[in-house]
Amino acid sequence: MFISQSSVVACFQTADAELPLHPCITYDGSRPLQSTEQLFKLFVDKILLFEADDLTQAVISVFTAYWLFGIKYNEKLWNFLSFLELHVFGLNETSPRPPVIKLMKLLQ
């Protein structure tokens, strides 16, 4: 499986959840993640950095926080973040694992 339930939990936390030290996004949980009326907040080391207006900004913010602060990818997010790195941003700093390689071949 490319993205597991635990991966989503590692990246997105409800506003009342205990925050991890790695970059994560919180949301109020009252609407689906895809809702355009959702407010997302980016935290790193449990410190609020800024708010994002939509899911796309939130996902890019998490990826950017890992790169900007030189944080090793969280194990549960490795496939997701390495896919973004390779396919979306055209970077090649991380060795992709088999699920990412398989997905990349499907997308070619």
Protein backbone atom coordinates (compact mmCIF):
# COMPACT_ATOMS: atom_id res chain seq x y z
CA MET A 1 0.00 0.00 0.00
CA PHE A 2 1.38 3.41 -0.97
CA ILE A 3 -0.23 5.59 1.73
CA SER A 4 -1.53 3.89 4.84
CA GLN A 5 -3.96 5.09 7.48
CA SER A 6 -1.00 5.64 9.82
CA SER A 7 0.63 7.88 7.17
CA VAL A 8 -2.39 10.15 7.11
CA VAL A 9 -2.37 10.30 10.90
CA ALA A 10 1.36 11.13 10.88
CA CYS A 11 0.78 14.05 8.51
CA PHE A 12 -2.63 15.34 9.59
CA GLN A 13 -3.79 15.69 13.19
CA THR A 14 -7.09 16.91 14.53
CA ALA A 15 -6.76 20.18 16.42
CA ASP A 16 -7.22 18.49 19.79
CA ALA A 17 -4.59 15.76 19.19
CA GLU A 18 -1.18 15.61 20.87
CA LEU A 19 1.20 17.13 18.35
CA PRO A 20 4.30 15.22 17.20
CA LEU A 21 7.71 16.86 16.89
CA HIS A 22 7.94 16.24 13.14
CA PRO A 23 6.16 18.61 10.72
CA CYS A 24 2.41 18.07 10.73
CA ILE A 25 -0.82 19.79 9.80
CA THR A 26 -3.78 20.20 12.12
CA TYR A 27 -7.36 20.71 11.08
CA ASP A 28 -10.53 21.16 13.08
CA GLY A 29 -11.96 17.82 11.96
CA SER A 30 -15.49 19.12 11.49
CA ARG A 31 -15.37 18.69 7.70
CA PRO A 32 -13.68 16.27 5.30
CA LEU A 33 -10.01 17.05 4.55
CA GLN A 34 -10.94 18.04 1.00
CA SER A 35 -13.38 20.72 2.16
CA THR A 36 -12.61 24.23 0.92
CA GLU A 37 -13.85 25.62 4.23
CA GLN A 38 -11.18 23.83 6.26
CA LEU A 39 -8.41 25.75 8.03
CA PHE A 40 -5.09 23.92 8.25
CA LYS A 41 -2.20 24.85 10.56
CA LEU A 42 1.42 23.78 10.07
CA PHE A 43 3.32 22.82 13.22
CA VAL A 44 7.00 21.88 13.57
CA ASP A 45 8.33 20.89 16.99
CA LYS A 46 4.84 21.66 18.29
CA ILE A 47 5.27 25.31 17.25
CA LEU A 48 2.68 26.91 14.97
CA LEU A 49 4.45 28.25 11.88
CA PHE A 50 1.50 29.36 9.76
CA GLU A 51 -1.96 28.55 8.45
CA ALA A 52 -2.89 27.12 5.06
CA ASP A 53 -6.18 27.76 3.30
CA ASP A 54 -6.55 24.44 1.52
CA LEU A 55 -5.33 20.85 1.38
CA THR A 56 -2.85 21.52 -1.44
CA GLN A 57 -1.13 24.29 0.50
CA ALA A 58 -1.10 22.09 3.60
CA VAL A 59 0.59 19.14 1.86
CA ILE A 60 3.17 21.37 0.17
CA SER A 61 3.82 23.07 3.52
CA VAL A 62 4.59 19.77 5.24
CA PHE A 63 6.98 18.73 2.48
CA THR A 64 8.65 22.15 2.48
CA ALA A 65 9.09 22.10 6.27
CA TYR A 66 11.01 18.81 6.04
CA TRP A 67 13.33 20.30 3.41
CA LEU A 68 13.67 23.77 4.87
CA PHE A 69 14.64 22.52 8.33
CA GLY A 70 16.64 19.50 7.12
CA ILE A 71 14.42 17.02 8.95
CA LYS A 72 14.67 13.34 8.01
CA TYR A 73 11.35 12.09 6.63
CA ASN A 74 9.09 10.50 9.21
CA GLU A 75 9.06 6.73 8.62
CA LYS A 76 5.28 6.66 8.19
CA LEU A 77 5.46 9.42 5.56
CA TRP A 78 8.53 8.19 3.68
CA ASN A 79 6.72 6.89 0.59
CA PHE A 80 4.40 9.88 0.34
CA LEU A 81 7.14 12.47 0.78
CA SER A 82 9.62 10.71 -1.50
CA PHE A 83 6.90 10.53 -4.18
CA LEU A 84 6.31 14.29 -3.85
CA GLU A 85 10.06 14.86 -3.97
CA LEU A 86 10.53 12.85 -7.17
CA HIS A 87 7.32 13.30 -9.11
CA VAL A 88 5.92 16.67 -8.07
CA PHE A 89 9.05 18.70 -7.31
CA GLY A 90 11.51 16.93 -9.65
CA LEU A 91 14.11 16.45 -6.92
CA ASN A 92 16.19 13.31 -6.47
CA GLU A 93 17.75 13.36 -3.01
CA THR A 94 15.99 10.35 -1.50
CA SER A 95 16.16 6.73 -2.60
CA PRO A 96 12.59 5.69 -3.35
CA ARG A 97 11.28 2.44 -1.94
CA PRO A 98 9.62 -0.24 -4.10
CA PRO A 99 6.04 1.13 -3.79
CA VAL A 100 7.18 4.54 -5.03
CA ILE A 101 9.24 3.02 -7.86
CA LYS A 102 6.21 0.99 -8.95
CA LEU A 103 3.95 4.05 -8.90
CA MET A 104 6.50 6.12 -10.82
CA LYS A 105 6.65 3.45 -13.54
CA LEU A 106 2.86 3.48 -13.79
CA LEU A 107 2.88 7.26 -14.23
CA GLN A 108 5.47 7.28 -17.03
